[in-house]
Amino acid sequence: MTHSLDTTFAALADPTRRAILARLAQGEATVMELAEPFAMTQPAISKHLKVLEKAGLISRGRDAQRRPCRIEPEALSEAMTWLEEYRQIWEANYERLDALLDELKKIQP
């Protein structure tokens, strides 16, 4: 696993950060908007945002006085590619297991 994948999965390991990404998947939001649904201080949310930003999962823009956060799909794309390889391996394993079970059913009366 590459360093960037390590960073991505470490960032995704926290449920608050996953919830922030889910919110940002709906569109840009400021830190205050992102903090609203959580029982956390704004500095605590900012720490989560820094982890997500360091992993390349989000970026922060500048719009006058606002610094809206937005999701960056490229980092997730690399993680999805890595996961897809394992999904295909498991799918092939289940298909072989299904075939074996079908053969065993034919053998048993």
Foldseek 3Di string as FASTA:
>chain_A
DDPLLVLVVVLVVDPLLVVLLVVQVVHWDFLVVSCVVDPDDSVVSVVSVVSCVVSVQWAWPDDPPTTIIHGDCPSVVVVVVVVVVVVVVVVVVVVVVVVVVVVVVVVDD
